Amino acid sequence: MHDLFLDAADATESLGARLAQSLPPRGVAYLHGDLGAGKSTLARALLRALGVTGTIRSPTYTLVEQYPLPAGGMALHLDLYRIGDPGELEFLGLDPAETRLWLVEWPERGQGGLPAADVDVELTVEGTGRRCRLHARTTAGEAWLQALRPA
């Protein structure tokens, strides 16, 4: 487990860039935290570092945003806060075969309809910053976090 204190938004963005640099060939990250904890900020920074240009929208109302990656494959950013049942995921048209990166906010709402997490990212507000705990859940997740360069 990695336990980090992110003192400002730029520290969260730096972590996103570091996660992008160490991304395995296929990665699934579950993003946990209350509203305003920094999940979307982290996801946006990770996507930018992977070369996504243009507007990166929060999937709060669309449930999923898809981004082609310059190096190939697709990144999916999901926000499942508004779904009522994991069965609703099948209507989103997700293509796991083309997906290189899954970033899933509120993953507990999609339980059973999502690929297993390689990494769990837990964000909590702490004072004026954020506490971030990264937990590897698979061998790929362990490699992802081991390759994470220091800030």
Protein backbone atom coordinates (compact mmCIF):
# COMPACT_ATOMS: atom_id res chain seq x y z
CA MET A 1 0.00 0.00 0.00
CA HIS A 2 1.11 3.54 -0.78
CA ASP A 3 -0.10 6.22 1.64
CA LEU A 4 0.34 9.76 0.32
CA PHE A 5 -0.66 13.24 1.42
CA LEU A 6 -1.60 15.47 -1.51
CA ASP A 7 -1.34 19.03 -0.23
CA ALA A 8 -2.84 20.75 -3.29
CA ALA A 9 -4.51 20.08 -6.64
CA ASP A 10 -1.13 20.09 -8.39
CA ALA A 11 0.01 17.22 -6.13
CA THR A 12 -3.07 15.25 -7.24
CA GLU A 13 -2.25 16.06 -10.86
CA SER A 14 1.35 14.94 -10.33
CA LEU A 15 0.14 11.62 -8.94
CA GLY A 16 -2.09 11.19 -12.00
CA ALA A 17 0.91 11.76 -14.28
CA ARG A 18 3.00 9.26 -12.30
CA LEU A 19 0.23 6.65 -12.53
CA ALA A 20 0.11 7.21 -16.31
CA GLN A 21 3.88 6.70 -16.59
CA SER A 22 3.71 3.37 -14.78
CA LEU A 23 0.45 2.13 -16.40
CA PRO A 24 0.63 -1.56 -17.33
CA PRO A 25 -0.58 -2.75 -20.78
CA ARG A 26 -4.10 -2.91 -19.31
CA GLY A 27 -5.16 -1.32 -16.03
CA VAL A 28 -8.30 -1.05 -13.96
CA ALA A 29 -8.41 1.56 -11.21
CA TYR A 30 -11.34 1.92 -8.85
CA LEU A 31 -11.55 5.47 -7.46
CA HIS A 32 -13.14 5.74 -4.02
CA GLY A 33 -13.99 8.87 -2.09
CA ASP A 34 -16.75 11.25 -1.15
CA LEU A 35 -17.98 13.97 -3.48
CA GLY A 36 -15.19 16.53 -3.85
CA ALA A 37 -12.42 14.16 -2.73
CA GLY A 38 -10.47 14.58 -5.98
CA LYS A 39 -11.43 11.48 -8.00
CA SER A 40 -12.17 13.40 -11.20
CA THR A 41 -9.09 15.61 -10.79
CA LEU A 42 -6.90 12.51 -10.54
CA ALA A 43 -8.61 10.85 -13.52
CA ARG A 44 -8.28 13.99 -15.65
CA ALA A 45 -4.55 14.30 -14.84
CA LEU A 46 -3.95 10.64 -15.67
CA LEU A 47 -5.75 10.98 -19.01
CA ARG A 48 -3.83 14.16 -19.88
CA ALA A 49 -0.54 12.42 -19.11
CA LEU A 50 -1.54 9.59 -21.46
CA GLY A 51 -1.87 12.14 -24.26
CA VAL A 52 -5.61 12.83 -24.29
CA THR A 53 -6.18 16.30 -25.72
CA GLY A 54 -9.26 18.45 -25.89
CA THR A 55 -11.97 18.58 -23.29
CA ILE A 56 -11.96 15.89 -20.62
CA ARG A 57 -15.48 15.83 -19.25
CA SER A 58 -16.64 14.50 -15.94
CA PRO A 59 -18.91 11.49 -16.55
CA THR A 60 -21.24 12.52 -13.71
CA TYR A 61 -24.31 12.71 -15.96
CA THR A 62 -23.20 10.70 -19.00
CA LEU A 63 -21.99 7.79 -16.78
CA VAL A 64 -19.10 7.07 -19.16
CA GLU A 65 -16.66 9.10 -21.22
CA GLN A 66 -14.43 7.32 -23.75
CA TYR A 67 -11.04 8.59 -24.88
CA PRO A 68 -8.88 7.14 -27.66
CA LEU A 69 -5.27 6.94 -26.50
CA PRO A 70 -2.47 8.10 -28.84
CA ALA A 71 -0.50 4.92 -28.04
CA GLY A 72 -3.52 2.77 -28.99
CA GLY A 73 -6.56 1.46 -27.23
CA MET A 74 -9.23 3.28 -25.33
CA ALA A 75 -9.53 4.79 -21.86
CA LEU A 76 -12.89 4.72 -20.12
CA HIS A 77 -13.80 7.06 -17.28
CA LEU A 78 -16.97 5.94 -15.54
CA ASP A 79 -18.94 7.62 -12.76
CA LEU A 80 -21.49 5.13 -11.46
CA TYR A 81 -22.96 7.33 -8.73
CA ARG A 82 -26.28 7.62 -10.58
CA ILE A 83 -26.89 4.00 -11.56
CA GLY A 84 -29.38 1.96 -9.60
CA ASP A 85 -28.34 -1.54 -10.65
CA PRO A 86 -25.12 -3.07 -12.06
CA GLY A 87 -27.21 -4.48 -14.93
CA GLU A 88 -27.44 -0.95 -16.32
CA LEU A 89 -23.78 -1.22 -17.34
CA GLU A 90 -24.65 -3.47 -20.29
CA PHE A 91 -26.53 -0.55 -21.89
CA LEU A 92 -23.42 1.66 -21.93
CA GLY A 93 -21.81 -0.14 -24.87
CA LEU A 94 -18.48 -0.74 -23.15
CA ASP A 95 -15.93 -2.76 -25.14
CA PRO A 96 -13.48 -4.42 -22.73
CA ALA A 97 -11.34 -5.76 -25.61
CA GLU A 98 -10.47 -2.23 -26.80
CA THR A 99 -10.04 -0.77 -23.33
CA ARG A 100 -6.52 -0.17 -22.05
CA LEU A 101 -7.53 1.83 -18.96
CA TRP A 102 -10.64 1.75 -16.79
CA LEU A 103 -11.08 4.62 -14.31
CA VAL A 104 -14.19 3.88 -12.26
CA GLU A 105 -15.71 6.27 -9.74
CA TRP A 106 -18.26 4.73 -7.33
CA PRO A 107 -17.34 1.17 -8.42
CA GLU A 108 -19.39 -0.44 -5.65
CA ARG A 109 -22.52 0.53 -7.62
CA GLY A 110 -21.36 -1.56 -10.59
CA GLN A 111 -20.32 -4.60 -8.58
CA GLY A 112 -20.46 -7.73 -10.71
CA GLY A 113 -20.60 -5.79 -13.98
CA LEU A 114 -17.04 -4.45 -14.00
CA PRO A 115 -13.61 -5.97 -14.52
CA ALA A 116 -11.78 -6.58 -11.24
CA ALA A 117 -9.67 -3.71 -9.95
CA ASP A 118 -5.92 -3.84 -10.34
CA VAL A 119 -5.62 -0.84 -8.02
CA ASP A 120 -7.97 0.72 -5.50
CA VAL A 121 -7.42 4.45 -5.00
CA GLU A 122 -8.97 5.85 -1.81
CA LEU A 123 -9.14 9.64 -1.57
CA THR A 124 -10.27 11.49 1.54
CA VAL A 125 -10.26 15.16 2.43
CA GLU A 126 -7.70 15.83 5.16
CA GLY A 127 -7.32 19.42 6.32
CA THR A 128 -6.66 21.54 3.24
CA GLY A 129 -5.37 18.57 1.22
CA ARG A 130 -6.20 14.96 0.40
CA ARG A 131 -5.06 11.63 1.80
CA CYS A 132 -4.54 9.06 -0.94
CA ARG A 133 -4.15 5.36 -0.26
CA LEU A 134 -3.27 3.09 -3.18
CA HIS A 135 -3.89 -0.66 -2.78
CA ALA A 136 -2.80 -3.26 -5.33
CA ARG A 137 -5.45 -5.94 -5.90
CA THR A 138 -3.76 -8.01 -8.63
CA THR A 139 -0.27 -8.89 -9.82
CA ALA A 140 -0.63 -6.23 -12.53
CA GLY A 141 -1.64 -3.76 -9.83
CA GLU A 142 1.40 -4.63 -7.75
CA ALA A 143 3.65 -4.01 -10.77
CA TRP A 144 1.81 -0.75 -11.52
CA LEU A 145 2.40 0.58 -8.01
CA GLN A 146 5.96 -0.74 -7.76
CA ALA A 147 6.84 1.18 -10.93
CA LEU A 148 5.33 4.37 -9.52
CA ARG A 149 8.12 6.91 -9.52
CA PRO A 150 8.57 9.07 -6.40
CA ALA A 151 7.17 12.59 -6.54
